[in-house]
């Protein structure tokens, strides 16, 4: 009886932990097989423990080059989408203009549209413009499909802002620029950061849109897909594990900094 009572009280927590474990299971498999030494070309069966791949993560030709290219595209796509998306979000929330409702509706189209449709549409656009497929077409395409996610994240934050804070700053003789930098931007910063992180993850991970518009350019997802046709080198697991660890470390550091600031304010 006591167990049933305890289970009812903690059923939501248990369900959340089981869901989290299910989501993290692929990451655990990738991490484990990054220490494998396969006998054939495919790293699908455990053979024996080895750290050879960790000692030489760039041992496969073209892997680190494609990784660097993906990071470069993701960085610039995040920067462009964040700047444009933040301005669009502020415009949609703070200003009234014609077709504002239509723009609000159109913002969601790239999020709802299948990626293969958007990829084919962008390819048609670039071909009609006579653009050479490569780095710049991929970058433009990534900015376009990341833009909607940034707008939605920033818009939600801006809508929750109290306009009286900005009015108070103006009453204290703060100019428009000073009010924006000292009041508006710090309040909107969590939404902007969330949109930027989401844009970076989407850009780095994208395969379909990139594959249509890359030409001879090879990003990390395209390299992984191509390698899977011939064999899966262990170094791919190493890179995936390293990026997962870095992402988790950044989240933990941000949580620690946030908790420290809360204790200081208290």
C-alpha atoms as a PDB file:
ATOM      1  CA  UNK A   1       0.000   0.000   0.000  1.00  0.00           C
ATOM      2  CA  UNK A   2       2.831   2.351   0.831  1.00  0.00           C
ATOM      3  CA  UNK A   3       4.455   1.605  -2.516  1.00  0.00           C
ATOM      4  CA  UNK A   4       1.235   2.395  -4.387  1.00  0.00           C
ATOM      5  CA  UNK A   5       0.946   5.711  -2.550  1.00  0.00           C
ATOM      6  CA  UNK A   6       4.581   6.572  -3.292  1.00  0.00           C
ATOM      7  CA  UNK A   7       4.163   5.608  -6.950  1.00  0.00           C
ATOM      8  CA  UNK A   8       1.062   7.790  -7.382  1.00  0.00           C
ATOM      9  CA  UNK A   9       2.887  10.684  -5.798  1.00  0.00           C
ATOM     10  CA  UNK A  10       5.926  10.350  -8.061  1.00  0.00           C
ATOM     11  CA  UNK A  11       4.403   8.979 -11.270  1.00  0.00           C
ATOM     12  CA  UNK A  12       5.079  12.211 -13.178  1.00  0.00           C
ATOM     13  CA  UNK A  13       8.734  12.264 -12.092  1.00  0.00           C
ATOM     14  CA  UNK A  14       9.176   8.596 -12.998  1.00  0.00           C
ATOM     15  CA  UNK A  15       7.595   9.118 -16.413  1.00  0.00           C
ATOM     16  CA  UNK A  16       9.855  12.115 -17.007  1.00  0.00           C
ATOM     17  CA  UNK A  17      12.982  10.176 -16.057  1.00  0.00           C
ATOM     18  CA  UNK A  18      12.020   7.244 -18.278  1.00  0.00           C
ATOM     19  CA  UNK A  19      11.370   9.603 -21.186  1.00  0.00           C
ATOM     20  CA  UNK A  20      14.714  11.310 -20.622  1.00  0.00           C
ATOM     21  CA  UNK A  21      16.489   7.946 -20.519  1.00  0.00           C
ATOM     22  CA  UNK A  22      14.781   6.950 -23.771  1.00  0.00           C
ATOM     23  CA  UNK A  23      15.896  10.196 -25.429  1.00  0.00           C
ATOM     24  CA  UNK A  24      19.481   9.805 -24.228  1.00  0.00           C
ATOM     25  CA  UNK A  25      19.795   6.140 -25.202  1.00  0.00           C
ATOM     26  CA  UNK A  26      21.118   6.894 -28.755  1.00  0.00           C
ATOM     27  CA  UNK A  27      23.764   9.185 -27.240  1.00  0.00           C
ATOM     28  CA  UNK A  28      24.854   6.399 -24.909  1.00  0.00           C
ATOM     29  CA  UNK A  29      25.167   3.984 -27.861  1.00  0.00           C
ATOM     30  CA  UNK A  30      27.212   6.529 -29.840  1.00  0.00           C
ATOM     31  CA  UNK A  31      29.505   7.085 -26.854  1.00  0.00           C
ATOM     32  CA  UNK A  32      30.038   3.364 -26.226  1.00  0.00           C
ATOM     33  CA  UNK A  33      30.818   2.608 -29.878  1.00  0.00           C
ATOM     34  CA  UNK A  34      33.303   5.483 -30.017  1.00  0.00           C
ATOM     35  CA  UNK A  35      35.574   3.163 -28.004  1.00  0.00           C
ATOM     36  CA  UNK A  36      35.055   0.191 -30.315  1.00  0.00           C
ATOM     37  CA  UNK A  37      37.584  -1.365 -32.692  1.00  0.00           C
ATOM     38  CA  UNK A  38      35.515  -2.890 -35.503  1.00  0.00           C
ATOM     39  CA  UNK A  39      36.960  -5.662 -37.614  1.00  0.00           C
ATOM     40  CA  UNK A  40      35.174  -4.585 -40.795  1.00  0.00           C
ATOM     41  CA  UNK A  41      34.170  -1.272 -42.315  1.00  0.00           C
ATOM     42  CA  UNK A  42      30.941  -0.908 -40.315  1.00  0.00           C
ATOM     43  CA  UNK A  43      30.912   0.081 -36.660  1.00  0.00           C
ATOM     44  CA  UNK A  44      27.640  -1.666 -35.813  1.00  0.00           C
ATOM     45  CA  UNK A  45      28.810  -4.567 -33.624  1.00  0.00           C
ATOM     46  CA  UNK A  46      30.944  -4.422 -30.508  1.00  0.00           C
ATOM     47  CA  UNK A  47      34.329  -6.108 -30.954  1.00  0.00           C
ATOM     48  CA  UNK A  48      36.863  -4.823 -28.428  1.00  0.00           C
ATOM     49  CA  UNK A  49      37.651  -1.732 -26.387  1.00  0.00           C
ATOM     50  CA  UNK A  50      40.031   0.746 -27.988  1.00  0.00           C
ATOM     51  CA  UNK A  51      40.921   4.443 -27.708  1.00  0.00           C
ATOM     52  CA  UNK A  52      42.568   4.646 -31.139  1.00  0.00           C
ATOM     53  CA  UNK A  53      39.800   6.785 -32.609  1.00  0.00           C
ATOM     54  CA  UNK A  54      39.971   9.248 -29.705  1.00  0.00           C
ATOM     55  CA  UNK A  55      43.719   9.633 -30.175  1.00  0.00           C
ATOM     56  CA  UNK A  56      43.235  10.418 -33.879  1.00  0.00           C
ATOM     57  CA  UNK A  57      39.740  11.942 -34.422  1.00  0.00           C
ATOM     58  CA  UNK A  58      40.789  13.379 -37.799  1.00  0.00           C
ATOM     59  CA  UNK A  59      42.197  10.099 -39.036  1.00  0.00           C
ATOM     60  CA  UNK A  60      39.497   9.779 -41.698  1.00  0.00           C
ATOM     61  CA  UNK A  61      40.108  11.934 -44.751  1.00  0.00           C
ATOM     62  CA  UNK A  62      37.673  14.834 -45.058  1.00  0.00           C
ATOM     63  CA  UNK A  63      35.961  14.359 -41.694  1.00  0.00           C
ATOM     64  CA  UNK A  64      37.414  17.325 -39.826  1.00  0.00           C
ATOM     65  CA  UNK A  65      37.190  19.499 -42.944  1.00  0.00           C
ATOM     66  CA  UNK A  66      33.454  18.817 -43.212  1.00  0.00           C
ATOM     67  CA  UNK A  67      33.048  19.393 -39.479  1.00  0.00           C
ATOM     68  CA  UNK A  68      34.792  22.757 -39.686  1.00  0.00           C
ATOM     69  CA  UNK A  69      32.622  23.752 -42.641  1.00  0.00           C
ATOM     70  CA  UNK A  70      29.434  22.808 -40.783  1.00  0.00           C
ATOM     71  CA  UNK A  71      30.513  24.816 -37.743  1.00  0.00           C
ATOM     72  CA  UNK A  72      31.342  27.801 -39.946  1.00  0.00           C
ATOM     73  CA  UNK A  73      27.997  27.686 -41.758  1.00  0.00           C
ATOM     74  CA  UNK A  74      26.107  27.197 -38.487  1.00  0.00           C
ATOM     75  CA  UNK A  75      27.884  30.184 -36.907  1.00  0.00           C
ATOM     76  CA  UNK A  76      27.139  32.605 -39.736  1.00  0.00           C
ATOM     77  CA  UNK A  77      23.611  31.265 -40.221  1.00  0.00           C
ATOM     78  CA  UNK A  78      22.949  31.708 -36.508  1.00  0.00           C
ATOM     79  CA  UNK A  79      24.317  35.237 -36.565  1.00  0.00           C
ATOM     80  CA  UNK A  80      22.274  36.243 -39.607  1.00  0.00           C
ATOM     81  CA  UNK A  81      19.056  34.547 -38.482  1.00  0.00           C
ATOM     82  CA  UNK A  82      19.355  35.962 -34.955  1.00  0.00           C
ATOM     83  CA  UNK A  83      19.876  39.540 -36.119  1.00  0.00           C
ATOM     84  CA  UNK A  84      17.064  39.439 -38.681  1.00  0.00           C
ATOM     85  CA  UNK A  85      14.738  37.380 -36.477  1.00  0.00           C
ATOM     86  CA  UNK A  86      15.161  39.684 -33.483  1.00  0.00           C
ATOM     87  CA  UNK A  87      14.325  42.758 -35.535  1.00  0.00           C
ATOM     88  CA  UNK A  88      11.310  41.039 -37.091  1.00  0.00           C
ATOM     89  CA  UNK A  89      10.058  39.905 -33.678  1.00  0.00           C
ATOM     90  CA  UNK A  90      10.285  43.426 -32.237  1.00  0.00           C
ATOM     91  CA  UNK A  91       8.539  44.842 -35.305  1.00  0.00           C
ATOM     92  CA  UNK A  92       5.673  42.352 -35.070  1.00  0.00           C
ATOM     93  CA  UNK A  93       5.125  42.997 -31.358  1.00  0.00           C
ATOM     94  CA  UNK A  94       5.788  46.708 -31.022  1.00  0.00           C
ATOM     95  CA  UNK A  95       4.464  48.199 -34.269  1.00  0.00           C
ATOM     96  CA  UNK A  96       1.183  48.214 -36.166  1.00  0.00           C
ATOM     97  CA  UNK A  97       1.403  48.117 -39.947  1.00  0.00           C
ATOM     98  CA  UNK A  98      -0.485  46.781 -42.928  1.00  0.00           C
ATOM     99  CA  UNK A  99      -0.382  43.034 -43.486  1.00  0.00           C
ATOM    100  CA  UNK A 100       0.915  42.494 -39.944  1.00  0.00           C
ATOM    101  CA  UNK A 101      -1.445  39.544 -39.474  1.00  0.00           C
ATOM    102  CA  UNK A 102      -0.376  38.031 -42.771  1.00  0.00           C
ATOM    103  CA  UNK A 103       3.304  38.331 -41.824  1.00  0.00           C
ATOM    104  CA  UNK A 104       2.575  36.659 -38.487  1.00  0.00           C
ATOM    105  CA  UNK A 105       0.970  33.756 -40.336  1.00  0.00           C
ATOM    106  CA  UNK A 106       3.682  33.495 -42.983  1.00  0.00           C
ATOM    107  CA  UNK A 107       6.375  33.252 -40.287  1.00  0.00           C
ATOM    108  CA  UNK A 108       5.091  29.792 -39.379  1.00  0.00           C
ATOM    109  CA  UNK A 109       5.143  28.434 -42.935  1.00  0.00           C
ATOM    110  CA  UNK A 110       8.836  27.402 -42.997  1.00  0.00           C
ATOM    111  CA  UNK A 111       8.314  25.589 -39.693  1.00  0.00           C
ATOM    112  CA  UNK A 112       5.270  23.692 -40.967  1.00  0.00           C
ATOM    113  CA  UNK A 113       6.508  23.057 -44.508  1.00  0.00           C
ATOM    114  CA  UNK A 114       8.266  19.711 -45.201  1.00  0.00           C
ATOM    115  CA  UNK A 115      12.001  20.212 -45.578  1.00  0.00           C
ATOM    116  CA  UNK A 116      12.139  18.476 -48.943  1.00  0.00           C
ATOM    117  CA  UNK A 117       9.611  20.972 -50.356  1.00  0.00           C
ATOM    118  CA  UNK A 118      11.602  23.936 -49.044  1.00  0.00           C
ATOM    119  CA  UNK A 119      14.835  22.406 -50.318  1.00  0.00           C
ATOM    120  CA  UNK A 120      13.440  21.940 -53.820  1.00  0.00           C
ATOM    121  CA  UNK A 121      11.985  25.462 -53.797  1.00  0.00           C
ATOM    122  CA  UNK A 122      15.293  27.019 -52.769  1.00  0.00           C
ATOM    123  CA  UNK A 123      17.142  24.984 -55.389  1.00  0.00           C
ATOM    124  CA  UNK A 124      14.712  26.230 -58.059  1.00  0.00           C
ATOM    125  CA  UNK A 125      15.238  29.811 -56.879  1.00  0.00           C
ATOM    126  CA  UNK A 126      19.025  29.549 -56.996  1.00  0.00           C
ATOM    127  CA  UNK A 127      19.026  27.884 -60.419  1.00  0.00           C
ATOM    128  CA  UNK A 128      16.699  30.550 -61.878  1.00  0.00           C
ATOM    129  CA  UNK A 129      18.982  33.241 -60.478  1.00  0.00           C
ATOM    130  CA  UNK A 130      22.006  31.550 -62.036  1.00  0.00           C
ATOM    131  CA  UNK A 131      23.704  31.177 -58.651  1.00  0.00           C
ATOM    132  CA  UNK A 132      26.538  28.683 -58.286  1.00  0.00           C
ATOM    133  CA  UNK A 133      25.671  26.056 -55.689  1.00  0.00           C
ATOM    134  CA  UNK A 134      28.123  25.972 -52.803  1.00  0.00           C
ATOM    135  CA  UNK A 135      28.910  27.639 -49.506  1.00  0.00           C
ATOM    136  CA  UNK A 136      26.861  30.791 -50.093  1.00  0.00           C
ATOM    137  CA  UNK A 137      23.716  29.032 -51.298  1.00  0.00           C
ATOM    138  CA  UNK A 138      23.836  26.738 -48.265  1.00  0.00           C
ATOM    139  CA  UNK A 139      24.326  29.710 -45.941  1.00  0.00           C
ATOM    140  CA  UNK A 140      21.406  31.643 -47.451  1.00  0.00           C
ATOM    141  CA  UNK A 141      19.189  28.571 -47.266  1.00  0.00           C
ATOM    142  CA  UNK A 142      20.075  27.975 -43.608  1.00  0.00           C
ATOM    143  CA  UNK A 143      19.376  31.579 -42.661  1.00  0.00           C
ATOM    144  CA  UNK A 144      15.986  31.384 -44.376  1.00  0.00           C
ATOM    145  CA  UNK A 145      14.751  28.261 -42.588  1.00  0.00           C
ATOM    146  CA  UNK A 146      16.275  29.200 -39.205  1.00  0.00           C
ATOM    147  CA  UNK A 147      14.698  32.653 -39.286  1.00  0.00           C
ATOM    148  CA  UNK A 148      11.204  31.483 -38.300  1.00  0.00           C
ATOM    149  CA  UNK A 149      12.441  29.643 -35.212  1.00  0.00           C
ATOM    150  CA  UNK A 150      14.310  32.719 -33.990  1.00  0.00           C
ATOM    151  CA  UNK A 151      11.292  34.976 -34.573  1.00  0.00           C
ATOM    152  CA  UNK A 152       9.007  32.674 -32.589  1.00  0.00           C
ATOM    153  CA  UNK A 153      11.433  32.408 -29.654  1.00  0.00           C
ATOM    154  CA  UNK A 154      12.190  36.135 -29.450  1.00  0.00           C
ATOM    155  CA  UNK A 155       8.573  37.153 -30.059  1.00  0.00           C
ATOM    156  CA  UNK A 156       7.380  35.098 -27.092  1.00  0.00           C
ATOM    157  CA  UNK A 157       9.902  36.856 -24.858  1.00  0.00           C
ATOM    158  CA  UNK A 158       9.124  40.359 -26.141  1.00  0.00           C
ATOM    159  CA  UNK A 159       5.385  39.840 -25.661  1.00  0.00           C
ATOM    160  CA  UNK A 160       5.946  39.039 -21.987  1.00  0.00           C
ATOM    161  CA  UNK A 161       7.991  42.196 -21.362  1.00  0.00           C
ATOM    162  CA  UNK A 162       6.488  44.921 -19.159  1.00  0.00           C
ATOM    163  CA  UNK A 163       6.485  48.193 -21.169  1.00  0.00           C
ATOM    164  CA  UNK A 164       6.442  50.178 -17.919  1.00  0.00           C
ATOM    165  CA  UNK A 165      10.108  49.312 -17.367  1.00  0.00           C
ATOM    166  CA  UNK A 166      11.087  51.102 -20.561  1.00  0.00           C
ATOM    167  CA  UNK A 167       8.780  53.991 -19.695  1.00  0.00           C
ATOM    168  CA  UNK A 168      10.474  54.270 -16.305  1.00  0.00           C
ATOM    169  CA  UNK A 169      13.871  54.444 -17.991  1.00  0.00           C
ATOM    170  CA  UNK A 170      12.624  57.228 -20.261  1.00  0.00           C
ATOM    171  CA  UNK A 171      11.232  59.093 -17.239  1.00  0.00           C
ATOM    172  CA  UNK A 172      14.754  58.957 -15.807  1.00  0.00           C
ATOM    173  CA  UNK A 173      16.049  60.752 -18.941  1.00  0.00           C
ATOM    174  CA  UNK A 174      17.458  57.672 -20.676  1.00  0.00           C
ATOM    175  CA  UNK A 175      17.644  58.072 -24.452  1.00  0.00           C
ATOM    176  CA  UNK A 176      16.256  55.511 -26.913  1.00  0.00           C
ATOM    177  CA  UNK A 177      19.632  53.816 -27.415  1.00  0.00           C
ATOM    178  CA  UNK A 178      20.422  53.757 -23.698  1.00  0.00           C
ATOM    179  CA  UNK A 179      16.953  52.396 -22.898  1.00  0.00           C
ATOM    180  CA  UNK A 180      17.362  49.633 -25.451  1.00  0.00           C
ATOM    181  CA  UNK A 181      20.855  48.640 -24.302  1.00  0.00           C
ATOM    182  CA  UNK A 182      20.233  48.915 -20.549  1.00  0.00           C
ATOM    183  CA  UNK A 183      16.603  47.725 -20.260  1.00  0.00           C
ATOM    184  CA  UNK A 184      15.090  46.187 -23.384  1.00  0.00           C
ATOM    185  CA  UNK A 185      18.013  44.064 -24.569  1.00  0.00           C
ATOM    186  CA  UNK A 186      18.839  42.463 -21.172  1.00  0.00           C
ATOM    187  CA  UNK A 187      15.192  41.482 -20.691  1.00  0.00           C
ATOM    188  CA  UNK A 188      14.919  40.061 -24.209  1.00  0.00           C
ATOM    189  CA  UNK A 189      18.326  38.344 -24.001  1.00  0.00           C
ATOM    190  CA  UNK A 190      17.023  34.909 -22.838  1.00  0.00           C
ATOM    191  CA  UNK A 191      14.670  34.704 -25.812  1.00  0.00           C
ATOM    192  CA  UNK A 192      17.385  35.851 -28.203  1.00  0.00           C
ATOM    193  CA  UNK A 193      19.821  33.303 -26.764  1.00  0.00           C
ATOM    194  CA  UNK A 194      17.233  30.519 -27.028  1.00  0.00           C
ATOM    195  CA  UNK A 195      16.544  31.393 -30.659  1.00  0.00           C
ATOM    196  CA  UNK A 196      20.264  31.546 -31.453  1.00  0.00           C
ATOM    197  CA  UNK A 197      20.984  28.157 -29.874  1.00  0.00           C
ATOM    198  CA  UNK A 198      18.037  26.609 -31.696  1.00  0.00           C
ATOM    199  CA  UNK A 199      19.196  28.107 -34.998  1.00  0.00           C
ATOM    200  CA  UNK A 200      22.738  26.801 -34.477  1.00  0.00           C
ATOM    201  CA  UNK A 201      21.514  23.284 -33.720  1.00  0.00           C
ATOM    202  CA  UNK A 202      19.137  23.236 -36.693  1.00  0.00           C
ATOM    203  CA  UNK A 203      21.753  24.594 -39.088  1.00  0.00           C
ATOM    204  CA  UNK A 204      24.508  22.225 -37.986  1.00  0.00           C
ATOM    205  CA  UNK A 205      22.208  19.202 -38.089  1.00  0.00           C
ATOM    206  CA  UNK A 206      20.445  19.911 -41.391  1.00  0.00           C
ATOM    207  CA  UNK A 207      20.891  17.424 -44.220  1.00  0.00           C
ATOM    208  CA  UNK A 208      17.961  17.652 -46.657  1.00  0.00           C
ATOM    209  CA  UNK A 209      18.107  21.368 -47.479  1.00  0.00           C
ATOM    210  CA  UNK A 210      21.900  21.273 -47.508  1.00  0.00           C
ATOM    211  CA  UNK A 211      22.023  18.259 -49.801  1.00  0.00           C
ATOM    212  CA  UNK A 212      19.815  19.986 -52.384  1.00  0.00           C
ATOM    213  CA  UNK A 213      21.743  23.259 -52.406  1.00  0.00           C
ATOM    214  CA  UNK A 214      25.337  22.313 -51.569  1.00  0.00           C
ATOM    215  CA  UNK A 215      26.719  21.469 -54.987  1.00  0.00           C
ATOM    216  CA  UNK A 216      30.169  20.008 -54.332  1.00  0.00           C
ATOM    217  CA  UNK A 217      30.265  21.368 -50.756  1.00  0.00           C
ATOM    218  CA  UNK A 218      30.321  18.617 -48.113  1.00  0.00           C
ATOM    219  CA  UNK A 219      29.090  19.392 -44.603  1.00  0.00           C
ATOM    220  CA  UNK A 220      29.392  17.050 -41.628  1.00  0.00           C
ATOM    221  CA  UNK A 221      25.869  15.534 -41.976  1.00  0.00           C
ATOM    222  CA  UNK A 222      26.540  14.940 -45.676  1.00  0.00           C
ATOM    223  CA  UNK A 223      29.883  13.336 -44.841  1.00  0.00           C
ATOM    224  CA  UNK A 224      28.216  11.006 -42.333  1.00  0.00           C
ATOM    225  CA  UNK A 225      25.568  10.037 -44.884  1.00  0.00           C
ATOM    226  CA  UNK A 226      28.189   9.382 -47.541  1.00  0.00           C
ATOM    227  CA  UNK A 227      30.387   7.415 -45.146  1.00  0.00           C
ATOM    228  CA  UNK A 228      27.451   5.230 -44.134  1.00  0.00           C
ATOM    229  CA  UNK A 229      27.236   3.951 -47.718  1.00  0.00           C
ATOM    230  CA  UNK A 230      30.823   2.653 -47.626  1.00  0.00           C
ATOM    231  CA  UNK A 231      31.394   2.113 -43.914  1.00  0.00           C
ATOM    232  CA  UNK A 232      31.027   4.032 -40.672  1.00  0.00           C
ATOM    233  CA  UNK A 233      34.384   5.059 -39.184  1.00  0.00           C
ATOM    234  CA  UNK A 234      34.619   5.172 -35.395  1.00  0.00           C
ATOM    235  CA  UNK A 235      35.770   8.795 -35.612  1.00  0.00           C
ATOM    236  CA  UNK A 236      32.186   9.801 -36.438  1.00  0.00           C
ATOM    237  CA  UNK A 237      31.133   8.480 -33.033  1.00  0.00           C
ATOM    238  CA  UNK A 238      34.021  10.339 -31.440  1.00  0.00           C
ATOM    239  CA  UNK A 239      32.955  13.659 -32.969  1.00  0.00           C
ATOM    240  CA  UNK A 240      29.326  13.067 -31.978  1.00  0.00           C
ATOM    241  CA  UNK A 241      30.275  12.202 -28.406  1.00  0.00           C
ATOM    242  CA  UNK A 242      32.550  15.226 -28.095  1.00  0.00           C
ATOM    243  CA  UNK A 243      29.840  17.591 -29.335  1.00  0.00           C
ATOM    244  CA  UNK A 244      27.297  16.061 -26.955  1.00  0.00           C
ATOM    245  CA  UNK A 245      29.663  16.494 -24.011  1.00  0.00           C
ATOM    246  CA  UNK A 246      30.366  20.114 -24.974  1.00  0.00           C
ATOM    247  CA  UNK A 247      26.631  20.852 -25.247  1.00  0.00           C
ATOM    248  CA  UNK A 248      25.922  19.308 -21.837  1.00  0.00           C
ATOM    249  CA  UNK A 249      28.854  21.208 -20.298  1.00  0.00           C
ATOM    250  CA  UNK A 250      27.539  24.517 -21.664  1.00  0.00           C
ATOM    251  CA  UNK A 251      24.089  23.817 -20.223  1.00  0.00           C
ATOM    252  CA  UNK A 252      25.544  22.925 -16.814  1.00  0.00           C
ATOM    253  CA  UNK A 253      27.733  26.044 -16.789  1.00  0.00           C
ATOM    254  CA  UNK A 254      24.788  28.283 -17.692  1.00  0.00           C
ATOM    255  CA  UNK A 255      22.681  26.687 -14.950  1.00  0.00           C
ATOM    256  CA  UNK A 256      25.470  27.179 -12.413  1.00  0.00           C
ATOM    257  CA  UNK A 257      25.894  30.831 -13.405  1.00  0.00           C
ATOM    258  CA  UNK A 258      22.139  31.393 -13.176  1.00  0.00           C
ATOM    259  CA  UNK A 259      21.905  29.791  -9.737  1.00  0.00           C
ATOM    260  CA  UNK A 260      24.870  31.832  -8.530  1.00  0.00           C
ATOM    261  CA  UNK A 261      23.231  35.069  -9.687  1.00  0.00           C
ATOM    262  CA  UNK A 262      19.997  34.109  -7.920  1.00  0.00           C
ATOM    263  CA  UNK A 263      21.865  33.454  -4.661  1.00  0.00           C
ATOM    264  CA  UNK A 264      23.675  36.793  -4.979  1.00  0.00           C
ATOM    265  CA  UNK A 265      20.394  38.643  -5.492  1.00  0.00           C
ATOM    266  CA  UNK A 266      18.829  36.831  -2.557  1.00  0.00           C
END
